[in-house]
Protein backbone atom coordinates (compact mmCIF):
# COMPACT_ATOMS: atom_id res chain seq x y z
CA MET A 1 -15.17 -17.25 11.56
CA LYS A 2 -11.79 -18.81 12.84
CA SER A 3 -10.67 -19.88 9.49
CA TRP A 4 -11.24 -16.18 8.20
CA LEU A 5 -9.40 -14.84 10.93
CA ARG A 6 -6.35 -17.17 10.32
CA ILE A 7 -6.39 -16.61 6.60
CA HIS A 8 -6.52 -12.84 7.36
CA ARG A 9 -3.65 -13.05 9.99
CA TYR A 10 -1.56 -15.07 7.45
CA LEU A 11 -2.13 -12.91 4.54
CA GLY A 12 -1.40 -9.84 6.67
CA ALA A 13 1.93 -11.24 7.89
CA PHE A 14 2.69 -11.90 4.50
CA CYS A 15 1.87 -8.42 3.17
CA ALA A 16 2.97 -6.20 6.05
CA PRO A 17 6.63 -6.01 5.18
CA MET A 18 5.89 -4.88 1.53
CA LEU A 19 2.84 -2.60 2.73
CA ILE A 20 5.22 -0.80 5.15
CA LEU A 21 7.89 -0.45 2.55
CA PHE A 22 5.62 0.88 -0.22
CA ALA A 23 3.92 3.16 2.47
CA ILE A 24 7.29 4.68 3.45
CA SER A 25 8.97 4.98 -0.02
CA GLY A 26 5.56 6.13 -1.45
CA SER A 27 5.60 8.90 0.94
CA TRP A 28 8.92 9.80 0.11
CA GLN A 29 8.13 9.89 -3.61
CA MET A 30 5.03 11.96 -2.98
CA LEU A 31 7.28 14.58 -1.43
CA ASN A 32 9.82 14.06 -4.17
CA TYR A 33 12.79 13.06 -1.41
CA HIS A 34 13.77 10.43 -3.83
CA LYS A 35 14.72 12.74 -6.66
CA ALA A 36 18.12 15.09 -6.56
CA LYS A 37 17.57 18.81 -7.10
CA LYS A 38 18.89 20.01 -10.39
CA ASP A 39 20.97 22.83 -8.36
CA GLY A 40 22.56 20.22 -6.29
CA SER A 41 21.21 21.50 -3.09
CA TYR A 42 19.79 18.17 -2.44
CA LYS A 43 20.90 14.52 -3.08
CA PRO A 44 18.80 11.77 -1.65
CA PRO A 45 20.38 9.38 0.76
CA ALA A 46 21.11 5.91 -0.69
CA ALA A 47 18.66 4.20 1.53
CA VAL A 48 15.92 6.61 0.19
CA LYS A 49 16.96 6.15 -3.32
CA PHE A 50 17.28 2.18 -2.90
CA THR A 51 13.81 2.05 -1.34
CA SER A 52 12.28 4.25 -3.93
CA ASP A 53 13.92 2.07 -6.79
CA LEU A 54 12.54 -0.97 -5.20
CA HIS A 55 9.00 0.59 -5.02
CA MET A 56 9.19 1.86 -8.49
CA ALA A 57 11.00 -1.30 -10.13
CA GLU A 58 11.50 0.32 -13.43
CA ASP A 59 15.06 -0.74 -14.11
CA LEU A 60 14.92 -4.40 -13.69
CA GLU A 61 15.93 -6.90 -16.37
CA GLY A 62 15.67 -10.58 -17.00
CA PRO A 63 13.91 -13.25 -15.61
CA ALA A 64 14.31 -11.82 -12.02
CA LYS A 65 12.27 -8.91 -13.25
CA TRP A 66 9.10 -11.05 -13.96
CA ALA A 67 9.78 -12.88 -10.55
CA TYR A 68 9.81 -9.72 -8.62
CA ARG A 69 6.54 -8.31 -10.56
CA GLY A 70 5.17 -11.62 -9.93
CA ILE A 71 5.73 -11.44 -6.04
CA LEU A 72 4.20 -7.73 -6.11
CA TRP A 73 1.28 -9.08 -7.75
CA ILE A 74 0.86 -11.83 -5.32
CA VAL A 75 1.26 -9.28 -2.53
CA ALA A 76 -1.21 -6.95 -4.03
CA ALA A 77 -3.87 -9.83 -4.58
CA SER A 78 -3.11 -10.81 -0.70
CA LEU A 79 -3.58 -7.26 0.51
CA VAL A 80 -7.01 -6.89 -1.32
CA THR A 81 -8.04 -10.53 -0.06
CA SER A 82 -6.88 -9.52 3.24
CA SER A 83 -8.74 -6.16 3.23
CA ALA A 84 -11.73 -7.71 2.09
CA ILE A 85 -11.91 -10.44 4.74
CA GLY A 86 -11.20 -7.58 7.41
CA LEU A 87 -14.32 -5.81 6.06
CA MET A 88 -16.20 -8.65 6.19
CA MET A 89 -15.17 -9.54 9.90
CA ALA A 90 -15.86 -5.77 10.94
CA PHE A 91 -19.37 -6.12 9.79
CA ARG A 92 -19.79 -9.32 11.42
CA LEU A 93 -18.25 -8.71 14.68
CA GLU A 94 -19.32 -5.15 15.32
CA PRO A 95 -22.81 -4.96 16.83
CA ALA A 96 -23.01 -1.19 15.69
CA LYS A 97 -22.92 -2.01 11.89
CA GLY A 98 -23.79 1.55 10.86
CA ARG A 99 -20.40 3.06 12.55
CA VAL A 100 -18.62 0.32 10.30
CA MET A 101 -20.81 1.56 7.22
CA MET A 102 -19.88 5.18 8.14
CA LEU A 103 -15.93 4.45 8.44
CA VAL A 104 -16.13 2.49 5.08
CA ALA A 105 -17.92 5.50 3.31
CA ALA A 106 -15.58 7.86 4.86
CA GLY A 107 -12.71 5.96 3.63
CA ILE A 108 -14.12 6.12 0.14
CA ALA A 109 -15.42 9.58 0.12
CA LEU A 110 -12.84 11.41 1.86
CA PRO A 111 -9.74 10.66 -0.49
CA LEU A 112 -11.90 10.99 -3.47
CA LEU A 113 -13.27 14.25 -2.43
CA LEU A 114 -9.70 15.81 -1.69
CA PHE A 115 -8.58 14.51 -4.87
CA LEU A 116 -11.29 16.24 -6.91
CA LEU A 117 -10.92 19.42 -4.98
CA ALA A 118 -7.00 19.33 -5.78
CA HIS A 119 -7.43 18.28 -9.35
CA GLU A 120 -8.99 21.38 -10.56
C-alpha cells in the first residue's frame, strides 16, 4: 500500500498544476469569458485569453506542438492512473465500502443525469 500511496502522491504532484489550470480555464470557457463580444461590450483580459489558448492549444505549430501535446497526453494518463489508484485506496482503506461505492456511483450518475436532462 505504501508503494501505491507514493505513486499516487507523485502522479498527483505532477498533474496538479495542469489540472488546476485546466479546471480554471475550462470554467472560463464554459461561461464564454475567453471570447470577446461582437458588440465590443466585453474583451477578455490577456491572462484569460492566454490561459484559454493554453487549454485549447489550437494554434500551435512545429515540433513544439507535438511535444506540448505529448505532455498533455502524459498528464492525462497520469491523472487517470492517479485517480484509479486513489479509488483503489479508498476501497481498501475505508471500512464502510458502501459509502465509497455510493460516492463513486453518484460521481458517475449525477453528471450523466444532468447532461441528459440538459441535452433535450
